[in-house]
Structure formats: structure tokens, C-alpha cells
Amino acid sequence: MKHWLKENRGFIVFLVCFGFFRTAIADWNPIPSGSMRPTLLEGDVVLVNRLAYDFKLPLTDISLAPLGEPQRGDVVTFSSPANGTRLIKRIVGLPGDVVEMRNEVLYLNGQAAEYAEQSLHAEPVAPGVELSAVRATERLAGTDRRVQFIPDKPALRSFAPLTVPAGHYFMLGDSRDNSEDSRFIGAVPRHLLIGRAHRVLVSADILGSWVPRFERTVEAIR
């Protein structure tokens, strides 16, 4: 065993450093579902900055040092407070914000979002099944992003005003009618945030022919 360790120490050091890098500094996250369409597509692999908000003890949710504050509009990965599943959504509500939705319209602290540049698209919701989706630019509280709605899909389109608790964040998927987000799992405490997703590393059409989407390579996430 000692002889094996000596002969392979370079590889072992590499594995340790690689593991530390992935669990403490940066990671990549494949996108398996359409909950963040049109921003992120099934088959995207995104780069996640684990040092965006906190430096954590590797393999834990224990913060050793705060490094930055989550901002409204950030696309983040986090562990679901409901079951621990890793999810990726967008922060729409900060601690103390009052968030509400009325028939698909998002309200923040009493201000309604504006929806511009609307267009129709065919949205895949199951193998061989497409529904009509409305895409629009949502503008609210100094931020904007492309979102989409699927009118013919059953969804939670309204909820009463709620105040985001201290140290928590309210998350929504950009595909509002096809996302398990804070409407269902509740606000997410800061210690469950993993990092900020800021670029698509690579992408392939996993719902079709698996053809690479070269045009999405290293594309910035907005």
C-alpha cells in the first residue's frame, strides 16, 4: 500500500485538489429540465461560482466567511429546503421584500412587473408533445430577464402577498408555469445557496439529436 501511494502520489494530490476545487471554489451543473427556459435549456452545462456568496467548508453548508450578497436577478444553484435536491432558479425576492403574483404578473413591494417584447414559441413539455408558450421580457425593480408562460399547462399563477423572511430568498423559475420553486418549497435560507451560475460551458440538444449547440458555448447567463 505504501509503495502504491508513493507511486501515485501525484495523481492523489491532483484528485484532492480537484475535489477541493469542485466543492469549494467552482462547479458545473447540468440542466435536466425546462424550468429555466428560455434562459437555460435542457442539455446546458453551466459554470457555478461557489465563492459568489460564501466560502464554505467543503462538502457542507457551513459558511466559513461571507464573500458577497445575493442580488435580485441572480441565477443560483441551491439545495431545496423541502428535500435537499439541487435546483437552479432565479432570485426575485430578497430578505424583507413583499412578493406576490396575480394571474402571472409578478409584484414586488407593491410594484407590478412590466412585460415587453412578447412572442409566441412552441414549447416541448413531454416527448413528442409541444404547447404554445408566450415569451416576454420581464422588467421589475431595476432588473430584467426573459421569461415564458404556458397558458394551456396547469400551474400556480397567483399567490397572496408574502414577506421574505430574514436570511432567506424567494426563487422563481423563468418558465413560470413549469417550475418547482419557492411557490412550492418556500423561501430558501442563505446557508442552502451553493453558488451563482454565470456562464453556459457547453450545450447539446438532449431532447432531440444530441447535436452540440456551439452558439451557446461560454454564453453569459443574464
C-alpha atoms as a PDB file:
ATOM      1  CA  MET A   1       0.000   0.000   0.000  1.00  0.00           C
ATOM      2  CA  LYS A   2       2.803   2.389   0.930  1.00  0.00           C
ATOM      3  CA  HIS A   3       4.536   1.617  -2.376  1.00  0.00           C
ATOM      4  CA  TRP A   4       1.296   2.255  -4.296  1.00  0.00           C
ATOM      5  CA  LEU A   5       0.756   5.579  -2.533  1.00  0.00           C
ATOM      6  CA  LYS A   6       4.298   6.657  -3.309  1.00  0.00           C
ATOM      7  CA  GLU A   7       3.994   5.772  -6.989  1.00  0.00           C
ATOM      8  CA  ASN A   8       0.628   7.513  -7.367  1.00  0.00           C
ATOM      9  CA  ARG A   9       1.061  10.482  -5.060  1.00  0.00           C
ATOM     10  CA  GLY A  10       0.928  12.959  -7.936  1.00  0.00           C
ATOM     11  CA  PHE A  11      -2.414  11.602  -9.074  1.00  0.00           C
ATOM     12  CA  ILE A  12      -3.712  11.532  -5.496  1.00  0.00           C
ATOM     13  CA  VAL A  13      -2.728  15.168  -4.966  1.00  0.00           C
ATOM     14  CA  PHE A  14      -4.478  16.053  -8.233  1.00  0.00           C
ATOM     15  CA  LEU A  15      -7.669  14.290  -7.111  1.00  0.00           C
ATOM     16  CA  VAL A  16      -7.623  16.065  -3.744  1.00  0.00           C
ATOM     17  CA  CYS A  17      -7.083  19.461  -5.368  1.00  0.00           C
ATOM     18  CA  PHE A  18      -9.742  18.760  -7.983  1.00  0.00           C
ATOM     19  CA  GLY A  19     -12.225  17.709  -5.302  1.00  0.00           C
ATOM     20  CA  PHE A  20     -11.486  20.829  -3.253  1.00  0.00           C
ATOM     21  CA  PHE A  21     -11.905  22.997  -6.342  1.00  0.00           C
ATOM     22  CA  ARG A  22     -15.312  21.498  -7.184  1.00  0.00           C
ATOM     23  CA  THR A  23     -16.684  21.545  -3.637  1.00  0.00           C
ATOM     24  CA  ALA A  24     -15.356  24.927  -2.511  1.00  0.00           C
ATOM     25  CA  ILE A  25     -14.470  27.153  -5.473  1.00  0.00           C
ATOM     26  CA  ALA A  26     -16.266  26.349  -8.735  1.00  0.00           C
ATOM     27  CA  ASP A  27     -18.504  23.624 -10.056  1.00  0.00           C
ATOM     28  CA  TRP A  28     -20.561  22.792 -13.109  1.00  0.00           C
ATOM     29  CA  ASN A  29     -24.219  21.945 -13.149  1.00  0.00           C
ATOM     30  CA  PRO A  30     -26.119  20.153 -15.963  1.00  0.00           C
ATOM     31  CA  ILE A  31     -29.616  21.439 -16.722  1.00  0.00           C
ATOM     32  CA  PRO A  32     -32.022  18.460 -16.823  1.00  0.00           C
ATOM     33  CA  SER A  33     -35.373  20.258 -17.113  1.00  0.00           C
ATOM     34  CA  GLY A  34     -37.061  23.213 -18.783  1.00  0.00           C
ATOM     35  CA  SER A  35     -37.823  25.185 -15.602  1.00  0.00           C
ATOM     36  CA  MET A  36     -35.410  27.991 -16.546  1.00  0.00           C
ATOM     37  CA  ARG A  37     -36.402  28.298 -20.210  1.00  0.00           C
ATOM     38  CA  PRO A  38     -35.723  30.369 -22.213  1.00  0.00           C
ATOM     39  CA  THR A  39     -32.629  31.440 -20.240  1.00  0.00           C
ATOM     40  CA  LEU A  40     -31.312  27.897 -19.804  1.00  0.00           C
ATOM     41  CA  LEU A  41     -32.126  24.874 -21.938  1.00  0.00           C
ATOM     42  CA  GLU A  42     -32.140  21.163 -21.226  1.00  0.00           C
ATOM     43  CA  GLY A  43     -28.637  19.988 -22.096  1.00  0.00           C
ATOM     44  CA  ASP A  44     -26.844  23.160 -20.996  1.00  0.00           C
ATOM     45  CA  VAL A  45     -23.966  22.699 -18.552  1.00  0.00           C
ATOM     46  CA  VAL A  46     -23.439  25.862 -16.509  1.00  0.00           C
ATOM     47  CA  LEU A  47     -20.421  27.096 -14.588  1.00  0.00           C
ATOM     48  CA  VAL A  48     -21.229  27.812 -10.939  1.00  0.00           C
ATOM     49  CA  ASN A  49     -19.125  30.187  -8.838  1.00  0.00           C
ATOM     50  CA  ARG A  50     -19.206  28.699  -5.332  1.00  0.00           C
ATOM     51  CA  LEU A  51     -17.362  31.723  -3.941  1.00  0.00           C
ATOM     52  CA  ALA A  52     -20.001  34.224  -5.062  1.00  0.00           C
ATOM     53  CA  TYR A  53     -21.613  34.446  -1.626  1.00  0.00           C
ATOM     54  CA  ASP A  54     -19.729  32.368   0.956  1.00  0.00           C
ATOM     55  CA  PHE A  55     -16.582  30.340   1.435  1.00  0.00           C
ATOM     56  CA  LYS A  56     -17.903  27.073   2.842  1.00  0.00           C
ATOM     57  CA  LEU A  57     -16.324  24.089   4.485  1.00  0.00           C
ATOM     58  CA  PRO A  58     -16.128  21.599   1.591  1.00  0.00           C
ATOM     59  CA  LEU A  59     -18.978  19.068   1.426  1.00  0.00           C
ATOM     60  CA  THR A  60     -21.030  21.037   3.987  1.00  0.00           C
ATOM     61  CA  ASP A  61     -23.373  24.037   4.214  1.00  0.00           C
ATOM     62  CA  ILE A  62     -21.163  25.613   6.897  1.00  0.00           C
ATOM     63  CA  SER A  63     -20.037  29.110   5.908  1.00  0.00           C
ATOM     64  CA  LEU A  64     -16.500  29.960   6.977  1.00  0.00           C
ATOM     65  CA  ALA A  65     -16.613  33.502   5.610  1.00  0.00           C
ATOM     66  CA  PRO A  66     -19.225  35.631   3.793  1.00  0.00           C
ATOM     67  CA  LEU A  67     -17.873  36.897   0.465  1.00  0.00           C
ATOM     68  CA  GLY A  68     -20.798  38.694  -1.172  1.00  0.00           C
ATOM     69  CA  GLU A  69     -24.500  39.389  -1.016  1.00  0.00           C
ATOM     70  CA  PRO A  70     -27.008  37.602  -3.273  1.00  0.00           C
ATOM     71  CA  GLN A  71     -28.671  40.086  -5.607  1.00  0.00           C
ATOM     72  CA  ARG A  72     -32.135  40.208  -7.084  1.00  0.00           C
ATOM     73  CA  GLY A  73     -31.927  38.675 -10.550  1.00  0.00           C
ATOM     74  CA  ASP A  74     -29.042  36.294  -9.796  1.00  0.00           C
ATOM     75  CA  VAL A  75     -29.396  32.773 -11.197  1.00  0.00           C
ATOM     76  CA  VAL A  76     -28.308  30.478  -8.381  1.00  0.00           C
ATOM     77  CA  THR A  77     -27.936  26.821  -7.523  1.00  0.00           C
ATOM     78  CA  PHE A  78     -29.156  25.728  -4.104  1.00  0.00           C
ATOM     79  CA  SER A  79     -30.315  22.752  -2.093  1.00  0.00           C
ATOM     80  CA  SER A  80     -34.098  22.553  -1.853  1.00  0.00           C
ATOM     81  CA  PRO A  81     -35.307  23.204   1.712  1.00  0.00           C
ATOM     82  CA  ALA A  82     -38.022  20.617   1.019  1.00  0.00           C
ATOM     83  CA  ASN A  83     -35.917  17.560   0.152  1.00  0.00           C
ATOM     84  CA  GLY A  84     -32.301  18.581  -0.450  1.00  0.00           C
ATOM     85  CA  THR A  85     -32.464  18.254  -4.249  1.00  0.00           C
ATOM     86  CA  ARG A  86     -30.088  20.589  -6.072  1.00  0.00           C
ATOM     87  CA  LEU A  87     -32.093  23.184  -8.034  1.00  0.00           C
ATOM     88  CA  ILE A  88     -31.278  26.189 -10.189  1.00  0.00           C
ATOM     89  CA  LYS A  89     -33.619  29.194 -10.176  1.00  0.00           C
ATOM     90  CA  ARG A  90     -33.564  32.991 -10.172  1.00  0.00           C
ATOM     91  CA  ILE A  91     -33.690  35.187  -7.074  1.00  0.00           C
ATOM     92  CA  VAL A  92     -36.699  37.510  -7.322  1.00  0.00           C
ATOM     93  CA  GLY A  93     -37.165  38.379  -3.643  1.00  0.00           C
ATOM     94  CA  LEU A  94     -34.567  39.484  -1.076  1.00  0.00           C
ATOM     95  CA  PRO A  95     -34.986  39.392   2.719  1.00  0.00           C
ATOM     96  CA  GLY A  96     -37.785  41.773   3.702  1.00  0.00           C
ATOM     97  CA  ASP A  97     -39.294  42.019   0.205  1.00  0.00           C
ATOM     98  CA  VAL A  98     -43.042  41.513  -0.232  1.00  0.00           C
ATOM     99  CA  VAL A  99     -43.616  39.175  -3.183  1.00  0.00           C
ATOM    100  CA  GLU A 100     -46.968  38.499  -4.851  1.00  0.00           C
ATOM    101  CA  MET A 101     -48.290  37.077  -8.111  1.00  0.00           C
ATOM    102  CA  ARG A 102     -51.630  37.946  -9.699  1.00  0.00           C
ATOM    103  CA  ASN A 103     -52.615  35.959 -12.779  1.00  0.00           C
ATOM    104  CA  GLU A 104     -48.962  35.538 -13.886  1.00  0.00           C
ATOM    105  CA  VAL A 105     -47.982  39.150 -13.118  1.00  0.00           C
ATOM    106  CA  LEU A 106     -45.184  39.365 -10.538  1.00  0.00           C
ATOM    107  CA  TYR A 107     -45.424  42.099  -7.891  1.00  0.00           C
ATOM    108  CA  LEU A 108     -42.535  43.218  -5.700  1.00  0.00           C
ATOM    109  CA  ASN A 109     -43.187  45.547  -2.774  1.00  0.00           C
ATOM    110  CA  GLY A 110     -46.468  46.567  -4.410  1.00  0.00           C
ATOM    111  CA  GLN A 111     -44.929  47.304  -7.822  1.00  0.00           C
ATOM    112  CA  ALA A 112     -46.121  45.288 -10.815  1.00  0.00           C
ATOM    113  CA  ALA A 113     -43.660  43.946 -13.358  1.00  0.00           C
ATOM    114  CA  GLU A 114     -43.871  45.083 -16.968  1.00  0.00           C
ATOM    115  CA  TYR A 115     -43.858  42.521 -19.790  1.00  0.00           C
ATOM    116  CA  ALA A 116     -42.489  43.693 -23.125  1.00  0.00           C
ATOM    117  CA  GLU A 117     -41.314  42.160 -26.413  1.00  0.00           C
ATOM    118  CA  GLN A 118     -43.830  39.325 -26.264  1.00  0.00           C
ATOM    119  CA  SER A 119     -43.597  36.483 -28.788  1.00  0.00           C
ATOM    120  CA  LEU A 120     -45.074  33.007 -29.333  1.00  0.00           C
ATOM    121  CA  HIS A 121     -42.999  29.809 -29.344  1.00  0.00           C
ATOM    122  CA  ALA A 122     -43.607  26.061 -29.430  1.00  0.00           C
ATOM    123  CA  GLU A 123     -42.515  24.635 -26.071  1.00  0.00           C
ATOM    124  CA  PRO A 124     -41.671  20.922 -25.574  1.00  0.00           C
ATOM    125  CA  VAL A 125     -43.350  19.688 -22.369  1.00  0.00           C
ATOM    126  CA  ALA A 126     -43.018  15.917 -22.945  1.00  0.00           C
ATOM    127  CA  PRO A 127     -41.527  13.635 -25.607  1.00  0.00           C
ATOM    128  CA  GLY A 128     -43.374  14.465 -28.813  1.00  0.00           C
ATOM    129  CA  VAL A 129     -45.661  16.985 -27.061  1.00  0.00           C
ATOM    130  CA  GLU A 130     -45.472  20.743 -27.575  1.00  0.00           C
ATOM    131  CA  LEU A 131     -47.599  23.562 -26.201  1.00  0.00           C
ATOM    132  CA  SER A 132     -47.750  27.199 -27.191  1.00  0.00           C
ATOM    133  CA  ALA A 133     -45.600  29.411 -24.940  1.00  0.00           C
ATOM    134  CA  VAL A 134     -45.559  33.184 -24.586  1.00  0.00           C
ATOM    135  CA  ARG A 135     -42.101  34.664 -24.031  1.00  0.00           C
ATOM    136  CA  ALA A 136     -41.564  38.189 -22.771  1.00  0.00           C
ATOM    137  CA  THR A 137     -39.011  40.466 -21.164  1.00  0.00           C
ATOM    138  CA  GLU A 138     -39.987  40.950 -17.519  1.00  0.00           C
ATOM    139  CA  ARG A 139     -38.881  44.279 -16.061  1.00  0.00           C
ATOM    140  CA  LEU A 140     -39.114  44.884 -12.323  1.00  0.00           C
ATOM    141  CA  ALA A 141     -37.131  46.754  -9.654  1.00  0.00           C
ATOM    142  CA  GLY A 142     -34.279  47.665 -11.979  1.00  0.00           C
ATOM    143  CA  THR A 143     -33.751  44.153 -13.344  1.00  0.00           C
ATOM    144  CA  ASP A 144     -34.967  42.398 -16.473  1.00  0.00           C
ATOM    145  CA  ARG A 145     -34.924  38.870 -17.844  1.00  0.00           C
ATOM    146  CA  ARG A 146     -36.640  36.742 -20.489  1.00  0.00           C
ATOM    147  CA  VAL A 147     -39.432  34.619 -19.043  1.00  0.00           C
ATOM    148  CA  GLN A 148     -42.115  32.429 -20.523  1.00  0.00           C
ATOM    149  CA  PHE A 149     -45.663  31.330 -19.764  1.00  0.00           C
ATOM    150  CA  ILE A 150     -47.526  28.231 -20.968  1.00  0.00           C
ATOM    151  CA  PRO A 151     -51.241  29.163 -20.831  1.00  0.00           C
ATOM    152  CA  ASP A 152     -52.542  25.633 -21.513  1.00  0.00           C
ATOM    153  CA  LYS A 153     -50.498  23.998 -18.741  1.00  0.00           C
ATOM    154  CA  PRO A 154     -51.984  23.707 -15.211  1.00  0.00           C
ATOM    155  CA  ALA A 155     -49.910  25.916 -12.906  1.00  0.00           C
ATOM    156  CA  LEU A 156     -49.946  28.145  -9.829  1.00  0.00           C
ATOM    157  CA  ARG A 157     -50.421  31.569 -11.403  1.00  0.00           C
ATOM    158  CA  SER A 158     -51.418  33.612  -8.358  1.00  0.00           C
ATOM    159  CA  PHE A 159     -50.452  33.745  -4.694  1.00  0.00           C
ATOM    160  CA  ALA A 160     -51.121  36.209  -1.882  1.00  0.00           C
ATOM    161  CA  PRO A 161     -48.502  38.734  -0.744  1.00  0.00           C
ATOM    162  CA  LEU A 162     -45.784  37.217   1.432  1.00  0.00           C
ATOM    163  CA  THR A 163     -42.803  38.757   3.160  1.00  0.00           C
ATOM    164  CA  VAL A 164     -39.461  37.056   2.560  1.00  0.00           C
ATOM    165  CA  PRO A 165     -38.012  36.156   5.996  1.00  0.00           C
ATOM    166  CA  ALA A 166     -34.657  37.488   7.161  1.00  0.00           C
ATOM    167  CA  GLY A 167     -31.778  35.477   5.746  1.00  0.00           C
ATOM    168  CA  HIS A 168     -33.998  33.905   3.042  1.00  0.00           C
ATOM    169  CA  TYR A 169     -34.519  34.352  -0.712  1.00  0.00           C
ATOM    170  CA  PHE A 170     -37.579  33.869  -2.892  1.00  0.00           C
ATOM    171  CA  MET A 171     -36.823  31.880  -6.055  1.00  0.00           C
ATOM    172  CA  LEU A 172     -38.756  31.546  -9.316  1.00  0.00           C
ATOM    173  CA  GLY A 173     -38.007  29.627 -12.494  1.00  0.00           C
ATOM    174  CA  ASP A 174     -38.003  31.703 -15.666  1.00  0.00           C
ATOM    175  CA  SER A 175     -40.502  29.221 -17.157  1.00  0.00           C
ATOM    176  CA  ARG A 176     -43.194  30.309 -14.720  1.00  0.00           C
ATOM    177  CA  ASP A 177     -45.720  27.566 -15.480  1.00  0.00           C
ATOM    178  CA  ASN A 178     -43.189  24.731 -15.423  1.00  0.00           C
ATOM    179  CA  SER A 179     -41.087  25.231 -12.291  1.00  0.00           C
ATOM    180  CA  GLU A 180     -40.979  23.841  -8.762  1.00  0.00           C
ATOM    181  CA  ASP A 181     -39.733  26.919  -6.955  1.00  0.00           C
ATOM    182  CA  SER A 182     -40.454  28.984  -3.833  1.00  0.00           C
ATOM    183  CA  ARG A 183     -44.171  28.855  -4.592  1.00  0.00           C
ATOM    184  CA  PHE A 184     -43.988  25.191  -3.587  1.00  0.00           C
ATOM    185  CA  ILE A 185     -40.821  24.731  -1.473  1.00  0.00           C
ATOM    186  CA  GLY A 186     -40.820  28.064   0.344  1.00  0.00           C
ATOM    187  CA  ALA A 187     -38.146  30.732   0.621  1.00  0.00           C
ATOM    188  CA  VAL A 188     -34.576  29.417   0.608  1.00  0.00           C
ATOM    189  CA  PRO A 189     -32.271  30.134   3.562  1.00  0.00           C
ATOM    190  CA  ARG A 190     -28.869  31.564   2.680  1.00  0.00           C
ATOM    191  CA  HIS A 191     -26.906  28.603   4.021  1.00  0.00           C
ATOM    192  CA  LEU A 192     -28.520  26.393   1.339  1.00  0.00           C
ATOM    193  CA  LEU A 193     -27.250  28.599  -1.518  1.00  0.00           C
ATOM    194  CA  ILE A 194     -24.459  26.811  -3.398  1.00  0.00           C
ATOM    195  CA  GLY A 195     -23.318  29.470  -5.833  1.00  0.00           C
ATOM    196  CA  ARG A 196     -24.110  31.757  -8.726  1.00  0.00           C
ATOM    197  CA  ALA A 197     -24.400  30.394 -12.256  1.00  0.00           C
ATOM    198  CA  HIS A 198     -22.809  32.855 -14.640  1.00  0.00           C
ATOM    199  CA  ARG A 199     -21.932  31.071 -17.920  1.00  0.00           C
ATOM    200  CA  VAL A 200     -23.022  28.165 -20.090  1.00  0.00           C
ATOM    201  CA  LEU A 201     -19.928  25.999 -20.542  1.00  0.00           C
ATOM    202  CA  VAL A 202     -21.244  23.616 -23.218  1.00  0.00           C
ATOM    203  CA  SER A 203     -24.655  22.616 -24.537  1.00  0.00           C
ATOM    204  CA  ALA A 204     -26.288  19.826 -26.544  1.00  0.00           C
ATOM    205  CA  ASP A 205     -29.834  19.175 -27.741  1.00  0.00           C
ATOM    206  CA  ILE A 206     -30.644  16.303 -25.360  1.00  0.00           C
ATOM    207  CA  LEU A 207     -34.342  16.382 -26.321  1.00  0.00           C
ATOM    208  CA  GLY A 208     -33.544  15.793 -29.975  1.00  0.00           C
ATOM    209  CA  SER A 209     -30.489  14.521 -31.819  1.00  0.00           C
ATOM    210  CA  TRP A 210     -27.841  15.413 -29.195  1.00  0.00           C
ATOM    211  CA  VAL A 211     -26.288  17.855 -31.644  1.00  0.00           C
ATOM    212  CA  PRO A 212     -23.946  20.292 -29.833  1.00  0.00           C
ATOM    213  CA  ARG A 213     -25.196  23.865 -29.572  1.00  0.00           C
ATOM    214  CA  PHE A 214     -21.893  25.602 -30.252  1.00  0.00           C
ATOM    215  CA  GLU A 215     -23.557  29.003 -30.276  1.00  0.00           C
ATOM    216  CA  ARG A 216     -24.258  28.646 -26.536  1.00  0.00           C
ATOM    217  CA  THR A 217     -20.659  27.818 -25.569  1.00  0.00           C
ATOM    218  CA  VAL A 218     -19.395  30.190 -22.813  1.00  0.00           C
ATOM    219  CA  GLU A 219     -22.567  32.273 -23.204  1.00  0.00           C
ATOM    220  CA  ALA A 220     -23.150  34.623 -20.271  1.00  0.00           C
ATOM    221  CA  ILE A 221     -26.269  33.999 -18.165  1.00  0.00           C
ATOM    222  CA  ARG A 222     -28.461  37.069 -17.707  1.00  0.00           C
END
